[in-house]
Amino acid sequence: MKKIETTSIKYLIFQSLAIAIAGIIIWPLLDLFICNVITHTEFVYSVTDHIIEPIVFGCILGIVLWAVERKANSKKEKKNGRK
């Protein structure tokens, strides 16, 4: 299988989707835990809070992590004498 470079757009899309999907799974579970254990309130599932917000968060976090990794790779390549 061909390896995807960490500076490519394919990697950015894959990373953002992976973070968004993980967020869609983990975000409601964390909210359920907080409602039942800490605040003792009723858990109410909503599309905006438990689907849209994790997708937006995943896309933003994916872009930030990709940009940081891309910058680190370019610094490493400059240090090694490649361009």
C-alpha atoms as a PDB file:
ATOM      1  CA  MET A   1       0.000   0.000   0.000  1.00  0.00           C
ATOM      2  CA  LYS A   2       1.240   3.444  -0.888  1.00  0.00           C
ATOM      3  CA  LYS A   3       2.161   5.677   2.050  1.00  0.00           C
ATOM      4  CA  ILE A   4       0.446   9.088   2.204  1.00  0.00           C
ATOM      5  CA  GLU A   5       2.824  11.985   2.801  1.00  0.00           C
ATOM      6  CA  THR A   6       2.046  14.040   5.899  1.00  0.00           C
ATOM      7  CA  THR A   7       2.205  17.295   3.928  1.00  0.00           C
ATOM      8  CA  SER A   8      -0.389  16.274   1.315  1.00  0.00           C
ATOM      9  CA  ILE A   9      -3.997  17.389   1.086  1.00  0.00           C
ATOM     10  CA  LYS A  10      -5.112  13.718   1.225  1.00  0.00           C
ATOM     11  CA  TYR A  11      -3.525  13.466   4.660  1.00  0.00           C
ATOM     12  CA  LEU A  12      -5.303  16.657   5.765  1.00  0.00           C
ATOM     13  CA  ILE A  13      -8.684  15.309   4.662  1.00  0.00           C
ATOM     14  CA  PHE A  14      -8.082  11.880   6.223  1.00  0.00           C
ATOM     15  CA  GLN A  15      -6.882  13.372   9.507  1.00  0.00           C
ATOM     16  CA  SER A  16      -9.814  15.809   9.719  1.00  0.00           C
ATOM     17  CA  LEU A  17     -12.332  13.046   9.011  1.00  0.00           C
ATOM     18  CA  ALA A  18     -10.755  10.723  11.562  1.00  0.00           C
ATOM     19  CA  ILE A  19     -10.833  13.391  14.267  1.00  0.00           C
ATOM     20  CA  ALA A  20     -14.433  14.332  13.374  1.00  0.00           C
ATOM     21  CA  ILE A  21     -15.624  10.710  13.517  1.00  0.00           C
ATOM     22  CA  ALA A  22     -13.860  10.154  16.829  1.00  0.00           C
ATOM     23  CA  GLY A  23     -15.456  13.358  18.108  1.00  0.00           C
ATOM     24  CA  ILE A  24     -18.924  12.225  17.035  1.00  0.00           C
ATOM     25  CA  ILE A  25     -18.432   9.073  19.103  1.00  0.00           C
ATOM     26  CA  ILE A  26     -16.615  10.500  22.137  1.00  0.00           C
ATOM     27  CA  TRP A  27     -18.373  13.901  22.513  1.00  0.00           C
ATOM     28  CA  PRO A  28     -21.853  12.525  23.412  1.00  0.00           C
ATOM     29  CA  LEU A  29     -20.364   9.879  25.697  1.00  0.00           C
ATOM     30  CA  LEU A  30     -18.409  12.521  27.580  1.00  0.00           C
ATOM     31  CA  ASP A  31     -21.502  14.733  27.775  1.00  0.00           C
ATOM     32  CA  LEU A  32     -23.559  11.785  29.062  1.00  0.00           C
ATOM     33  CA  PHE A  33     -20.935  11.092  31.727  1.00  0.00           C
ATOM     34  CA  ILE A  34     -20.859  14.746  32.814  1.00  0.00           C
ATOM     35  CA  CYS A  35     -24.666  14.939  32.981  1.00  0.00           C
ATOM     36  CA  ASN A  36     -25.101  11.717  34.953  1.00  0.00           C
ATOM     37  CA  VAL A  37     -22.100  11.767  37.280  1.00  0.00           C
ATOM     38  CA  ILE A  38     -21.073  15.368  37.847  1.00  0.00           C
ATOM     39  CA  THR A  39     -24.099  17.629  37.353  1.00  0.00           C
ATOM     40  CA  HIS A  40     -26.888  15.033  37.900  1.00  0.00           C
ATOM     41  CA  THR A  41     -28.973  16.523  35.094  1.00  0.00           C
ATOM     42  CA  GLU A  42     -30.913  14.882  32.289  1.00  0.00           C
ATOM     43  CA  PHE A  43     -28.947  14.083  29.134  1.00  0.00           C
ATOM     44  CA  VAL A  44     -30.564  15.519  26.016  1.00  0.00           C
ATOM     45  CA  TYR A  45     -29.140  14.513  22.630  1.00  0.00           C
ATOM     46  CA  SER A  46     -29.190  17.225  19.985  1.00  0.00           C
ATOM     47  CA  VAL A  47     -27.882  17.236  16.430  1.00  0.00           C
ATOM     48  CA  THR A  48     -26.185  20.595  16.810  1.00  0.00           C
ATOM     49  CA  ASP A  49     -24.352  19.780  20.029  1.00  0.00           C
ATOM     50  CA  HIS A  50     -23.430  16.172  19.324  1.00  0.00           C
ATOM     51  CA  ILE A  51     -22.898  16.017  15.545  1.00  0.00           C
ATOM     52  CA  ILE A  52     -22.232  19.479  14.102  1.00  0.00           C
ATOM     53  CA  GLU A  53     -19.881  20.714  16.849  1.00  0.00           C
ATOM     54  CA  PRO A  54     -17.597  17.636  16.729  1.00  0.00           C
ATOM     55  CA  ILE A  55     -17.401  17.872  12.921  1.00  0.00           C
ATOM     56  CA  VAL A  56     -16.430  21.554  13.062  1.00  0.00           C
ATOM     57  CA  PHE A  57     -13.980  20.884  15.893  1.00  0.00           C
ATOM     58  CA  GLY A  58     -12.469  17.947  13.982  1.00  0.00           C
ATOM     59  CA  CYS A  59     -11.980  20.003  10.821  1.00  0.00           C
ATOM     60  CA  ILE A  60     -10.367  22.902  12.681  1.00  0.00           C
ATOM     61  CA  LEU A  61      -8.133  20.627  14.766  1.00  0.00           C
ATOM     62  CA  GLY A  62      -7.178  18.612  11.669  1.00  0.00           C
ATOM     63  CA  ILE A  63      -6.123  21.764   9.814  1.00  0.00           C
ATOM     64  CA  VAL A  64      -4.139  23.083  12.780  1.00  0.00           C
ATOM     65  CA  LEU A  65      -2.321  19.785  13.363  1.00  0.00           C
ATOM     66  CA  TRP A  66      -1.605  19.432   9.624  1.00  0.00           C
ATOM     67  CA  ALA A  67      -0.197  22.967   9.419  1.00  0.00           C
ATOM     68  CA  VAL A  68       2.026  22.436  12.462  1.00  0.00           C
ATOM     69  CA  GLU A  69       3.320  19.133  11.089  1.00  0.00           C
ATOM     70  CA  ARG A  70       3.883  20.635   7.640  1.00  0.00           C
ATOM     71  CA  LYS A  71       5.881  23.505   9.124  1.00  0.00           C
ATOM     72  CA  ALA A  72       7.967  21.094  11.234  1.00  0.00           C
ATOM     73  CA  ASN A  73       8.695  18.963   8.151  1.00  0.00           C
ATOM     74  CA  SER A  74       9.756  21.992   6.112  1.00  0.00           C
ATOM     75  CA  LYS A  75      12.123  23.096   8.905  1.00  0.00           C
ATOM     76  CA  LYS A  76      13.569  19.586   9.065  1.00  0.00           C
ATOM     77  CA  GLU A  77      14.101  19.536   5.300  1.00  0.00           C
ATOM     78  CA  LYS A  78      15.808  22.954   5.361  1.00  0.00           C
ATOM     79  CA  LYS A  79      18.066  21.761   8.147  1.00  0.00           C
ATOM     80  CA  ASN A  80      19.030  18.688   6.129  1.00  0.00           C
ATOM     81  CA  GLY A  81      19.785  20.821   3.080  1.00  0.00           C
ATOM     82  CA  ARG A  82      16.801  19.804   0.955  1.00  0.00           C
ATOM     83  CA  LYS A  83      14.210  22.109  -0.445  1.00  0.00           C
END
